[in-house]
Amino acid sequence: MPALCTFALCRQISTLSTVNLNKTINRFIGNGNLQEARKFFDQSPHLTNVVSWNSLTAGYFKHNLIQKAEYLFDKMPHRDVVSWNTMLSGYRNANNPGKVYRCFLDMNRCGEMRPNELTFAVSISSFLHLHYKHLIPQLHGLVLCSGISLNVFVGSALMRGYVDLDDYRGLVRVFDEILDKDVTPWNVLILGYMRFGCTIEAQRAFDMMPMRNSFTWSTLINGYIENKKLNEARFVFDEMSEKDVVSWTAMIRGYVQYGEFMKALKLFKLMLNSGSRPNHFTFSTVLDACAGYSAVLVGNQVHVCILKSGFPLDVVLLTSLLDMYAKCGDIEVAFCIFESIPARNLVAWNSIIGGYARHGLAERAMQVFERMLKSGIRPDEITFINLVYACGHGGLVDEGERIFNSMVTEYRLKAEMEHYACMVDLYGRAGQLEKAEKLIDEMPFKPDVVVWGALLGACGLHSCLELGEIAANGIYTLEHDHPAVYSVLSKIYGDKGVCSDITGLDKLMKKWRATKQKAGSWIESPSIN
C-alpha cells in the first residue's frame, strides 16, 4: 500500500476515534457522570480535540464546578469561539457578571477569536438589571463596528438592556436595526413601551405584529395592569381565543393588585366554569382576594378546591390560607395552619404576627416573635410594622418603643413612614399626644396622609381640638378631599360643645372641597358556585 494511502487511512481512523470519544464524553456528561467523562478524556490525549475540551468545560459549568472549568480552560492547547462562549455562558448562568465582563475583555485582548453573535448575546444578557447595564450602549457600538448584523438574539438582548436603562430611543433604534424579526423582538418592544407608559404605542405594535404567542398576550395584559388600565387589560383578555392558566392568573392578580376583589372572585368563577385548571399561583392570588374582601365563606370554598385538586400544600399556599383566615377574622384556624407549615419562611411568620396584631392580641404576637427569633429567622421591616401595630392596639407603649428602637439599633433596619405611622398611632391610643407630636416633628421626612391621619384619629379619640386642627390641616395640604377630616373634627367640636364652630367647619369643608365620609356595610356573597 502506498505511503500516502496509509497516512490517509490512519487519519480517517483517528478522526472516527475522536468522534467516538466525544460522543462517549457527552454521554457521560449528560448522565451526570463527570468522573467517567474526565477519565476517558485523560486516557486519550492523542484523540482529544477542541470539541472534547469544550464539552468537558461545559459539563463542569453545568454541575457548578466552576473552578474545574476555569482550570481546564486555562490548559486548553487551542481555543475557538465556542470555547470562549462556553465560558461566558457558564459565568452568566452562575450569575457572575463580573467574570463575564473580564472574560469578554480577555477574549478581545488576546486576539485569538473575533466575537460572534452568540458572544454578544450572552454578554449583553449578563449585564441586565445590574450596575453593569451602562455597558449596553458600548456593546451596541461594538456590534455595529464588528459588522455583525443584528439577529433576533443580539437585538432582543440589546432592547432589554435599553429598557433597563430607561432609554426609549435606544429601544426603538435597535428594533429598527434588527433584520428578519420574529416574535421575540416584537414582544420586547411591547414590554418596553409598557414599561415607559406608552400604552398606545404598545397596542399599535401589538396590532402590527405578523404573529403572536401566549407571551405576547400576557405582556400586553400585564402592561395595561401595571399602567393601571384594568378595563383595557380586561378587553385584551376577553379577546384571547385561547386563554391559559398564566393569562387567567395575570388578570385575576391585576384586579387584586388594585383592590377590585369582587371582580377577581367573579373572574375566578369564570375560569372554573371554562374548564381551565388553576395552579398554585392562581389559588394564592384568589386567597388574597378573599382576604381583601373579608369573604371567609368563599375562602372556605377555595380551601376545599385546593384540597380536591390534589396540589401539595407548600409554604406559599399554606401562607396564603393563613393570611386569608387571619384577615377574615378566624385567627385560631390561621394559627392551626401556621403550626402545620413544616418549613416556615419569613412571610409565614410575618403573616401570623400580623394576624395577631389585627386582632389586638399583642401578647401572642410577641410570643410568636420570640419563637421566630429562636428559630433563626431574621425579622424585616414588615415584622416590625406588625409588632408596633400590635403593641399599639394592645396598649403596650413601653414594649412598642423598645421594639421600634431595636429595629434601628439592633437590626440595622431603616424606619420608614409606615413605622412612624404605627408609633404615632401607638402614642395616640395611649393618650400620649405630646409624644406623638414630637415624633412627627423629629421624622427624617415629611409626614404623609397616613401619619397625619393617625394623629387626627388620636385627637378624635381624646377630643384634642388644637392638635386635631393641625393634623387636619396637614392632611388637607396632601389630599384636599379626605373624608375623615370632616367626621373627626365634627366629633371633636361636638365633644367640646363648640356648636358654633361646627357651622364654621361646614364652611371650611366647602372651602377645602372635602366630603363627608359615607357609611357602608359588608354583605358577603355566600358562594362562588
Protein backbone atom coordinates (compact mmCIF):
# COMPACT_ATOMS: atom_id res chain seq x y z
CA MET A 1 0.00 0.00 0.00
CA PRO A 2 1.41 3.41 -0.97
CA ALA A 3 2.55 5.59 1.91
CA LEU A 4 0.08 8.35 1.04
CA CYS A 5 -2.88 5.99 1.23
CA THR A 6 -1.66 4.56 4.53
CA PHE A 7 -1.46 8.09 6.02
CA ALA A 8 -4.99 8.94 4.84
CA LEU A 9 -6.39 5.72 6.30
CA CYS A 10 -4.73 6.33 9.67
CA ARG A 11 -6.06 9.87 9.71
CA GLN A 12 -9.59 8.62 8.95
CA ILE A 13 -9.39 6.03 11.75
CA SER A 14 -8.12 8.72 14.13
CA THR A 15 -10.98 11.04 13.16
CA LEU A 16 -13.52 8.33 13.72
CA SER A 17 -11.99 7.55 17.11
CA THR A 18 -12.13 11.23 18.08
CA VAL A 19 -15.79 11.36 17.14
CA ASN A 20 -16.49 8.27 19.25
CA LEU A 21 -14.52 9.73 22.15
CA ASN A 22 -16.54 12.96 22.04
CA LYS A 23 -19.79 11.02 21.89
CA THR A 24 -18.73 8.99 24.93
CA ILE A 25 -17.71 12.11 26.87
CA ASN A 26 -21.01 13.85 26.05
CA ARG A 27 -22.98 10.75 27.05
CA PHE A 28 -21.31 10.61 30.48
CA ILE A 29 -21.80 14.37 30.95
CA GLY A 30 -25.47 14.03 30.04
CA ASN A 31 -25.85 11.31 32.69
CA GLY A 32 -24.11 13.48 35.27
CA ASN A 33 -21.08 11.17 35.47
CA LEU A 34 -18.27 13.70 35.16
CA GLN A 35 -15.67 11.42 36.68
CA GLU A 36 -16.04 8.87 33.88
CA ALA A 37 -16.09 11.64 31.29
CA ARG A 38 -12.83 13.04 32.67
CA LYS A 39 -11.36 9.53 32.83
CA PHE A 40 -11.90 8.93 29.11
CA PHE A 41 -10.67 12.45 28.37
CA ASP A 42 -7.39 11.89 30.26
CA GLN A 43 -6.81 8.40 28.86
CA SER A 44 -6.95 9.54 25.22
CA PRO A 45 -4.93 12.75 24.93
CA HIS A 46 -3.97 11.90 21.35
CA LEU A 47 -7.65 11.72 20.32
CA THR A 48 -8.98 14.84 22.02
CA ASN A 49 -9.69 17.95 20.01
CA VAL A 50 -11.15 21.37 20.82
CA VAL A 51 -14.65 19.85 20.86
CA SER A 52 -13.58 17.47 23.64
CA TRP A 53 -12.21 20.34 25.73
CA ASN A 54 -15.31 22.47 25.16
CA SER A 55 -17.68 19.62 26.07
CA LEU A 56 -15.92 18.86 29.34
CA THR A 57 -15.69 22.56 30.23
CA ALA A 58 -19.43 22.98 29.61
CA GLY A 59 -20.09 19.87 31.72
CA TYR A 60 -18.23 21.35 34.67
CA PHE A 61 -20.23 24.56 34.41
CA LYS A 62 -23.45 22.58 34.15
CA HIS A 63 -22.72 20.94 37.50
CA ASN A 64 -21.49 24.20 39.08
CA LEU A 65 -17.86 23.09 39.19
CA ILE A 66 -16.61 26.48 38.12
CA GLN A 67 -13.01 26.19 39.32
CA LYS A 68 -12.50 22.94 37.40
CA ALA A 69 -13.97 24.56 34.29
CA GLU A 70 -11.59 27.50 34.66
CA TYR A 71 -8.59 25.20 35.19
CA LEU A 72 -9.47 23.19 32.08
CA PHE A 73 -9.98 26.33 30.02
CA ASP A 74 -6.56 27.69 31.06
CA LYS A 75 -4.91 24.40 30.00
CA MET A 76 -6.52 24.26 26.55
CA PRO A 77 -3.87 23.97 23.80
CA HIS A 78 -6.19 25.63 21.30
CA ARG A 79 -9.39 27.64 21.72
CA ASP A 80 -12.10 28.51 19.26
CA VAL A 81 -15.00 30.93 19.60
CA VAL A 82 -17.10 28.14 21.14
CA SER A 83 -14.54 27.83 23.94
CA TRP A 84 -14.92 31.49 24.86
CA ASN A 85 -18.70 31.39 24.51
CA THR A 86 -18.79 28.35 26.77
CA MET A 87 -17.00 30.31 29.48
CA LEU A 88 -19.21 33.35 29.01
CA SER A 89 -22.39 31.26 29.15
CA GLY A 90 -21.14 29.41 32.22
CA TYR A 91 -20.42 32.62 34.09
CA ARG A 92 -23.77 34.08 33.04
CA ASN A 93 -25.66 31.02 34.25
CA ALA A 94 -23.71 31.23 37.51
CA ASN A 95 -24.96 34.84 37.86
CA ASN A 96 -21.44 36.24 37.86
CA PRO A 97 -21.46 39.30 35.55
CA GLY A 98 -18.05 40.39 36.81
CA LYS A 99 -16.39 37.31 35.37
CA VAL A 100 -18.41 37.64 32.17
CA TYR A 101 -17.02 41.14 31.82
CA ARG A 102 -13.40 40.05 32.43
CA CYS A 103 -13.73 37.04 30.12
CA PHE A 104 -15.16 39.22 27.35
CA LEU A 105 -12.25 41.65 27.72
CA ASP A 106 -9.70 38.80 27.68
CA MET A 107 -11.25 37.37 24.53
CA ASN A 108 -10.95 40.68 22.72
CA ARG A 109 -7.45 41.43 24.03
CA CYS A 110 -5.88 38.08 23.16
CA GLY A 111 -6.97 38.34 19.55
CA GLU A 112 -7.47 34.59 19.19
CA MET A 113 -11.05 34.81 18.01
CA ARG A 114 -13.47 37.51 16.96
CA PRO A 115 -16.72 37.63 18.94
CA ASN A 116 -19.76 36.33 17.10
CA GLU A 117 -23.49 36.87 17.57
CA LEU A 118 -23.67 34.43 20.49
CA THR A 119 -20.75 36.15 22.24
CA PHE A 120 -22.60 39.45 22.23
CA ALA A 121 -25.99 37.94 23.06
CA VAL A 122 -24.60 36.15 26.14
CA SER A 123 -22.57 39.15 27.30
CA ILE A 124 -25.41 41.62 26.88
CA SER A 125 -27.91 39.38 28.68
CA SER A 126 -25.44 39.04 31.58
CA PHE A 127 -25.44 42.78 32.21
CA LEU A 128 -29.20 43.33 32.53
CA HIS A 129 -30.76 44.60 35.80
CA LEU A 130 -27.33 45.20 37.32
CA HIS A 131 -24.81 48.00 37.74
CA TYR A 132 -23.08 46.70 34.60
CA LYS A 133 -26.01 47.82 32.45
CA HIS A 134 -24.16 51.02 31.49
CA LEU A 135 -22.11 48.76 29.20
CA ILE A 136 -25.14 48.10 26.96
CA PRO A 137 -24.61 51.11 24.62
CA GLN A 138 -20.89 50.27 24.39
CA LEU A 139 -21.66 46.69 23.40
CA HIS A 140 -24.18 48.01 20.88
CA GLY A 141 -21.42 50.11 19.35
CA LEU A 142 -19.05 47.12 19.23
CA VAL A 143 -21.69 45.04 17.45
CA LEU A 144 -22.06 47.71 14.77
CA CYS A 145 -18.28 48.19 14.44
CA SER A 146 -17.77 44.42 14.12
CA GLY A 147 -20.04 44.35 11.10
CA ILE A 148 -22.34 41.82 12.75
CA SER A 149 -25.93 42.01 11.61
CA LEU A 150 -28.37 42.31 14.48
CA ASN A 151 -30.18 38.98 14.65
CA VAL A 152 -33.11 38.39 16.97
CA PHE A 153 -30.90 37.12 19.81
CA VAL A 154 -28.44 40.00 19.93
CA GLY A 155 -31.10 42.57 19.08
CA SER A 156 -33.58 41.36 21.72
CA ALA A 157 -30.86 41.36 24.38
CA LEU A 158 -29.90 44.93 23.45
CA MET A 159 -33.54 46.01 23.54
CA ARG A 160 -33.92 44.63 27.06
CA GLY A 161 -30.78 46.49 28.04
CA TYR A 162 -32.14 49.80 26.79
CA VAL A 163 -35.40 49.16 28.63
CA ASP A 164 -33.40 48.74 31.84
CA LEU A 165 -31.57 51.96 31.05
CA ASP A 166 -34.90 53.77 30.56
CA ASP A 167 -33.67 54.65 27.07
CA TYR A 168 -36.78 54.88 24.90
CA ARG A 169 -34.90 55.94 21.77
CA GLY A 170 -32.35 53.17 22.13
CA LEU A 171 -35.13 50.59 22.38
CA VAL A 172 -36.80 51.77 19.17
CA ARG A 173 -33.50 52.23 17.33
CA VAL A 174 -32.36 48.66 17.97
CA PHE A 175 -35.76 47.29 16.98
CA ASP A 176 -35.48 49.06 13.63
CA GLU A 177 -31.95 47.67 13.13
CA ILE A 178 -32.93 44.01 13.62
CA LEU A 179 -33.16 42.01 10.41
CA ASP A 180 -35.72 39.21 9.94
CA LYS A 181 -37.69 39.97 13.11
CA ASP A 182 -39.56 37.10 14.71
CA VAL A 183 -41.99 37.32 17.62
CA THR A 184 -39.27 37.87 20.27
CA PRO A 185 -38.21 41.47 19.44
CA TRP A 186 -41.85 42.42 18.97
CA ASN A 187 -42.57 41.13 22.48
CA VAL A 188 -39.65 43.08 23.91
CA LEU A 189 -40.84 46.21 22.08
CA ILE A 190 -44.31 45.88 23.62
CA LEU A 191 -42.76 45.22 27.02
CA GLY A 192 -40.58 48.31 26.67
CA TYR A 193 -43.44 50.53 25.56
CA MET A 194 -45.48 49.40 28.54
CA ARG A 195 -42.54 49.99 30.88
CA PHE A 196 -42.30 53.56 29.58
CA GLY A 197 -46.06 54.04 29.95
CA CYS A 198 -46.59 54.26 26.17
CA THR A 199 -49.70 52.10 26.08
CA ILE A 200 -50.95 53.48 22.74
CA GLU A 201 -47.64 52.62 21.05
CA ALA A 202 -47.68 49.17 22.66
CA GLN A 203 -51.18 48.48 21.36
CA ARG A 204 -50.18 49.71 17.90
CA ALA A 205 -47.16 47.38 17.88
CA PHE A 206 -49.38 44.52 19.01
CA ASP A 207 -51.80 45.21 16.16
CA MET A 208 -48.94 45.31 13.62
CA MET A 209 -47.35 42.01 14.70
CA PRO A 210 -47.26 39.39 11.93
CA MET A 211 -47.59 36.63 14.53
CA ARG A 212 -48.24 36.39 18.27
CA ASN A 213 -47.73 33.85 21.01
CA SER A 214 -49.13 33.47 24.52
CA PHE A 215 -46.30 35.60 25.91
CA THR A 216 -47.36 38.45 23.61
CA TRP A 217 -50.89 38.47 25.01
CA SER A 218 -49.64 38.21 28.60
CA THR A 219 -47.18 41.06 28.03
CA LEU A 220 -49.94 43.33 26.76
CA ILE A 221 -52.31 42.40 29.58
CA ASN A 222 -49.67 42.81 32.28
CA GLY A 223 -48.57 46.10 30.73
CA TYR A 224 -52.05 47.55 30.93
CA ILE A 225 -52.34 46.32 34.51
CA GLU A 226 -49.04 47.92 35.53
CA ASN A 227 -50.24 51.18 33.94
CA LYS A 228 -53.47 50.99 35.99
CA LYS A 229 -55.68 50.41 32.95
CA LEU A 230 -57.71 47.43 34.10
CA ASN A 231 -60.54 47.94 31.62
CA GLU A 232 -58.11 47.84 28.68
CA ALA A 233 -56.40 44.77 30.16
CA ARG A 234 -59.76 43.03 30.52
CA PHE A 235 -60.69 43.91 26.92
CA VAL A 236 -57.49 42.30 25.62
CA PHE A 237 -58.04 39.33 27.92
CA ASP A 238 -61.57 38.80 26.57
CA GLU A 239 -60.21 38.98 23.01
CA MET A 240 -57.91 36.00 23.59
CA SER A 241 -59.15 32.95 21.72
CA GLU A 242 -57.22 30.50 23.90
CA LYS A 243 -56.68 31.51 27.48
CA ASP A 244 -54.15 29.57 29.55
CA VAL A 245 -53.65 29.49 33.31
CA VAL A 246 -51.00 32.23 33.06
CA SER A 247 -53.37 34.72 31.42
CA TRP A 248 -56.23 33.87 33.81
CA THR A 249 -53.95 34.32 36.81
CA ALA A 250 -52.46 37.57 35.47
CA MET A 251 -55.90 39.15 35.06
CA ILE A 252 -57.09 37.94 38.48
CA ARG A 253 -53.89 39.26 40.07
CA GLY A 254 -54.44 42.62 38.36
CA TYR A 255 -57.84 43.01 39.99
CA VAL A 256 -56.40 42.03 43.38
CA GLN A 257 -53.48 44.44 42.96
CA TYR A 258 -55.83 47.42 42.67
CA GLY A 259 -58.38 46.31 45.26
CA GLU A 260 -61.04 45.03 42.84
CA PHE A 261 -61.54 41.91 44.92
CA MET A 262 -65.08 41.07 43.86
CA LYS A 263 -64.13 41.28 40.18
CA ALA A 264 -61.22 38.97 40.89
CA LEU A 265 -63.52 36.40 42.51
CA LYS A 266 -66.05 36.62 39.67
CA LEU A 267 -63.27 36.09 37.13
CA PHE A 268 -62.05 33.07 39.09
CA LYS A 269 -65.56 31.66 38.87
CA LEU A 270 -65.47 32.14 35.08
CA MET A 271 -62.14 30.37 35.00
CA LEU A 272 -63.53 27.34 36.81
CA ASN A 273 -66.58 27.27 34.53
CA SER A 274 -64.33 27.42 31.45
CA GLY A 275 -62.62 24.21 32.47
CA SER A 276 -59.22 25.83 32.98
CA ARG A 277 -57.28 24.26 35.83
CA PRO A 278 -55.87 26.73 38.41
CA ASN A 279 -52.32 26.35 39.63
CA HIS A 280 -50.58 27.32 42.88
CA PHE A 281 -50.26 30.97 41.86
CA THR A 282 -53.94 31.18 40.89
CA PHE A 283 -55.11 29.81 44.22
CA SER A 284 -52.71 32.04 46.13
CA THR A 285 -53.99 35.12 44.27
CA VAL A 286 -57.64 34.17 44.80
CA LEU A 287 -57.00 33.70 48.51
CA ASP A 288 -55.57 37.23 48.57
CA ALA A 289 -58.84 38.42 47.01
CA CYS A 290 -60.83 36.58 49.70
CA ALA A 291 -58.68 38.18 52.37
CA GLY A 292 -59.11 41.65 50.88
CA TYR A 293 -62.88 41.22 50.59
CA SER A 294 -63.22 39.52 54.01
CA ALA A 295 -65.02 36.71 52.18
CA VAL A 296 -64.40 33.85 54.58
CA LEU A 297 -67.14 31.65 53.10
CA VAL A 298 -65.65 31.95 49.64
CA GLY A 299 -62.24 31.39 51.19
CA ASN A 300 -63.51 28.15 52.70
CA GLN A 301 -64.69 27.01 49.26
CA VAL A 302 -61.34 27.87 47.71
CA HIS A 303 -59.66 25.92 50.50
CA VAL A 304 -61.79 22.91 49.59
CA CYS A 305 -60.94 23.37 45.90
CA ILE A 306 -57.25 23.28 46.76
CA LEU A 307 -57.63 20.07 48.75
CA LYS A 308 -59.69 18.43 46.00
CA SER A 309 -57.23 19.47 43.30
CA GLY A 310 -54.53 17.34 44.88
CA PHE A 311 -51.97 20.13 44.92
CA PRO A 312 -49.32 19.65 47.63
CA LEU A 313 -49.80 22.30 50.31
CA ASP A 314 -46.45 24.04 50.09
CA VAL A 315 -45.38 27.04 52.16
CA VAL A 316 -46.79 29.51 49.58
CA LEU A 317 -50.32 28.08 49.60
CA LEU A 318 -50.34 27.48 53.34
CA THR A 319 -49.20 31.05 54.00
CA SER A 320 -51.93 32.38 51.70
CA LEU A 321 -54.50 30.29 53.58
CA LEU A 322 -53.12 31.52 56.89
CA ASP A 323 -53.29 35.15 55.77
CA MET A 324 -56.83 34.73 54.43
CA TYR A 325 -58.23 33.23 57.63
CA ALA A 326 -56.41 35.79 59.78
CA LYS A 327 -57.78 38.74 57.77
CA CYS A 328 -61.26 37.21 57.67
CA GLY A 329 -61.43 37.01 61.46
CA ASP A 330 -60.70 33.32 62.18
CA ILE A 331 -57.35 33.70 63.93
CA GLU A 332 -57.48 30.27 65.58
CA VAL A 333 -57.77 28.48 62.24
CA ALA A 334 -54.99 30.71 60.95
CA PHE A 335 -52.77 29.63 63.85
CA CYS A 336 -53.54 25.94 63.21
CA ILE A 337 -52.47 26.37 59.58
CA PHE A 338 -49.34 28.17 60.73
CA GLU A 339 -48.45 25.27 63.00
CA SER A 340 -48.90 22.84 60.08
CA ILE A 341 -46.29 24.58 57.91
CA PRO A 342 -43.21 22.30 58.03
CA ALA A 343 -40.61 24.84 56.88
CA ARG A 344 -41.80 28.33 57.80
CA ASN A 345 -40.28 31.26 55.95
CA LEU A 346 -40.29 34.92 56.95
CA VAL A 347 -43.57 35.57 55.10
CA ALA A 348 -45.34 32.92 57.18
CA TRP A 349 -44.02 34.34 60.45
CA ASN A 350 -44.99 37.87 59.42
CA SER A 351 -48.49 36.71 58.45
CA ILE A 352 -49.29 35.14 61.82
CA ILE A 353 -47.75 38.06 63.75
CA GLY A 354 -49.78 40.46 61.61
CA GLY A 355 -52.89 38.38 62.21
CA TYR A 356 -52.49 38.61 65.96
CA ALA A 357 -51.79 42.34 65.64
CA ARG A 358 -55.04 42.97 63.75
CA HIS A 359 -56.97 41.06 66.39
CA GLY A 360 -55.44 43.08 69.23
CA LEU A 361 -53.60 40.04 70.62
CA ALA A 362 -50.34 41.83 71.36
CA GLU A 363 -49.01 39.30 73.87
CA ARG A 364 -49.47 36.40 71.46
CA ALA A 365 -47.83 38.42 68.69
CA MET A 366 -44.80 39.00 70.90
CA GLN A 367 -44.65 35.31 71.84
CA VAL A 368 -44.61 34.28 68.18
CA PHE A 369 -41.91 36.87 67.54
CA GLU A 370 -39.73 35.30 70.23
CA ARG A 371 -40.28 31.87 68.65
CA MET A 372 -39.30 33.33 65.31
CA LEU A 373 -36.01 34.67 66.66
CA LYS A 374 -35.19 31.34 68.33
CA SER A 375 -35.81 29.52 65.05
CA GLY A 376 -33.09 31.61 63.42
CA ILE A 377 -35.31 33.75 61.19
CA ARG A 378 -34.17 37.37 60.98
CA PRO A 379 -37.01 39.95 61.07
CA ASP A 380 -37.51 42.53 58.34
CA GLU A 381 -39.29 45.88 58.10
CA ILE A 382 -42.73 44.24 57.80
CA THR A 383 -42.14 42.29 61.01
CA PHE A 384 -41.63 45.50 62.95
CA ILE A 385 -44.64 47.19 61.39
CA ASN A 386 -46.75 44.29 62.66
CA LEU A 387 -45.14 44.33 66.10
CA VAL A 388 -45.52 48.07 66.70
CA TYR A 389 -49.09 47.88 65.40
CA ALA A 390 -49.79 45.03 67.82
CA CYS A 391 -48.34 46.98 70.74
CA GLY A 392 -50.45 49.99 69.83
CA HIS A 393 -53.68 48.01 69.81
CA GLY A 394 -52.65 46.15 72.96
CA GLY A 395 -51.71 49.24 74.96
CA LEU A 396 -48.05 48.14 75.28
CA VAL A 397 -46.42 51.53 74.93
CA ASP A 398 -43.06 50.72 76.54
CA GLU A 399 -42.80 47.46 74.61
CA GLY A 400 -43.65 49.26 71.38
CA GLU A 401 -40.93 51.84 72.00
CA ARG A 402 -38.42 49.08 72.71
CA ILE A 403 -39.35 47.23 69.52
CA PHE A 404 -39.14 50.40 67.43
CA ASN A 405 -35.71 51.32 68.81
CA SER A 406 -34.34 47.78 68.46
CA MET A 407 -35.27 47.76 64.77
CA VAL A 408 -32.80 50.60 64.17
CA THR A 409 -30.10 49.91 66.75
CA GLU A 410 -30.03 46.10 66.91
CA TYR A 411 -31.18 45.01 63.45
CA ARG A 412 -29.87 48.00 61.47
CA LEU A 413 -33.14 48.48 59.62
CA LYS A 414 -34.28 51.91 58.48
CA ALA A 415 -37.54 53.19 59.95
CA GLU A 416 -39.92 54.01 57.10
CA MET A 417 -43.11 56.08 57.00
CA GLU A 418 -45.25 53.07 57.98
CA HIS A 419 -43.24 52.53 61.17
CA TYR A 420 -43.66 56.16 62.21
CA ALA A 421 -47.39 55.98 61.49
CA CYS A 422 -47.69 52.95 63.77
CA MET A 423 -45.74 54.72 66.51
CA VAL A 424 -47.95 57.82 66.22
CA ASP A 425 -50.97 55.52 66.46
CA LEU A 426 -49.43 53.78 69.49
CA TYR A 427 -48.86 57.06 71.36
CA GLY A 428 -52.23 58.40 70.26
CA ARG A 429 -54.22 55.42 71.51
CA ALA A 430 -52.44 55.71 74.86
CA GLY A 431 -53.28 59.41 75.09
CA GLN A 432 -49.65 60.47 74.84
CA LEU A 433 -50.32 63.10 72.18
CA GLU A 434 -47.29 65.21 73.04
CA LYS A 435 -45.01 62.26 72.28
CA ALA A 436 -46.88 61.67 69.02
CA GLU A 437 -46.45 65.32 68.00
CA LYS A 438 -42.77 65.28 68.96
CA LEU A 439 -42.16 62.11 66.94
CA ILE A 440 -43.73 63.71 63.85
CA ASP A 441 -41.55 66.81 64.28
CA GLU A 442 -38.41 64.62 64.50
CA MET A 443 -39.21 62.44 61.48
CA PRO A 444 -36.44 62.44 58.83
CA PHE A 445 -39.05 63.11 56.12
CA LYS A 446 -42.31 64.98 55.81
CA PRO A 447 -45.34 63.09 57.19
CA ASP A 448 -47.83 61.63 54.74
CA VAL A 449 -51.61 61.31 54.95
CA VAL A 450 -51.38 58.11 56.99
CA VAL A 451 -49.22 59.71 59.69
CA TRP A 452 -51.44 62.80 59.91
CA GLY A 453 -54.48 60.52 59.87
CA ALA A 454 -53.13 58.53 62.83
CA LEU A 455 -52.66 61.78 64.76
CA LEU A 456 -56.11 63.06 63.76
CA GLY A 457 -57.70 59.80 64.86
CA ALA A 458 -55.94 60.05 68.22
CA CYS A 459 -57.16 63.64 68.61
CA GLY A 460 -60.70 62.47 67.90
CA LEU A 461 -60.34 59.69 70.46
CA HIS A 462 -59.15 62.11 73.15
CA SER A 463 -61.01 65.26 71.98
CA CYS A 464 -57.88 67.33 71.42
CA LEU A 465 -59.05 70.26 69.30
CA GLU A 466 -55.84 72.26 68.85
CA LEU A 467 -53.70 69.32 67.70
CA GLY A 468 -56.63 67.93 65.72
CA GLU A 469 -56.81 71.07 63.61
CA ILE A 470 -53.05 70.86 62.97
CA ALA A 471 -53.44 67.25 61.83
CA ALA A 472 -56.45 68.14 59.66
CA ASN A 473 -54.50 70.93 58.00
CA GLY A 474 -51.61 68.51 57.40
CA ILE A 475 -53.98 66.13 55.64
CA TYR A 476 -55.51 68.94 53.59
CA THR A 477 -52.13 70.02 52.23
CA LEU A 478 -51.66 66.50 50.84
CA GLU A 479 -55.19 65.39 49.98
CA HIS A 480 -57.88 68.07 49.68
CA ASP A 481 -60.99 65.88 49.84
CA HIS A 482 -60.09 63.33 52.50
CA PRO A 483 -63.45 62.29 54.09
CA ALA A 484 -62.09 61.53 57.57
CA VAL A 485 -61.29 65.18 58.23
CA TYR A 486 -64.95 66.23 58.50
CA SER A 487 -66.12 63.33 60.64
CA VAL A 488 -63.27 63.52 63.18
CA LEU A 489 -63.24 67.29 63.51
CA SER A 490 -67.02 67.46 63.88
CA LYS A 491 -66.78 64.85 66.65
CA ILE A 492 -64.13 66.89 68.45
CA TYR A 493 -66.22 70.08 68.16
CA GLY A 494 -69.23 68.19 69.44
CA ASP A 495 -67.30 66.72 72.37
CA LYS A 496 -66.04 70.18 73.25
CA GLY A 497 -69.54 71.60 72.99
CA VAL A 498 -68.44 74.23 70.49
CA CYS A 499 -71.55 74.06 68.31
CA SER A 500 -70.93 77.37 66.57
CA ASP A 501 -67.66 76.03 65.21
CA ILE A 502 -69.45 73.14 63.50
CA THR A 503 -71.12 75.65 61.18
CA GLY A 504 -67.68 77.13 60.60
CA LEU A 505 -66.39 73.65 59.90
CA ASP A 506 -69.00 73.16 57.19
CA LYS A 507 -67.81 76.36 55.55
CA LEU A 508 -64.20 75.23 55.91
CA MET A 509 -65.03 71.88 54.32
CA LYS A 510 -66.69 73.63 51.40
CA LYS A 511 -63.59 75.80 51.01
CA TRP A 512 -61.41 72.71 51.09
CA ARG A 513 -63.94 70.87 48.86
CA ALA A 514 -63.83 67.95 51.26
CA THR A 515 -66.67 65.45 51.55
CA LYS A 516 -68.36 63.75 54.43
CA GLN A 517 -67.45 60.11 54.85
CA LYS A 518 -70.26 57.82 53.74
CA ALA A 519 -71.34 54.89 55.83
CA GLY A 520 -71.14 51.38 54.40
CA SER A 521 -71.62 47.74 55.25
CA TRP A 522 -70.26 44.37 54.15
CA ILE A 523 -72.62 41.69 52.82
CA GLU A 524 -70.62 38.69 51.77
CA SER A 525 -71.66 36.62 48.79
CA PRO A 526 -72.19 33.12 50.19
CA SER A 527 -70.78 31.21 47.24
CA ILE A 528 -68.69 31.35 44.06
CA ASN A 529 -70.58 28.43 42.53
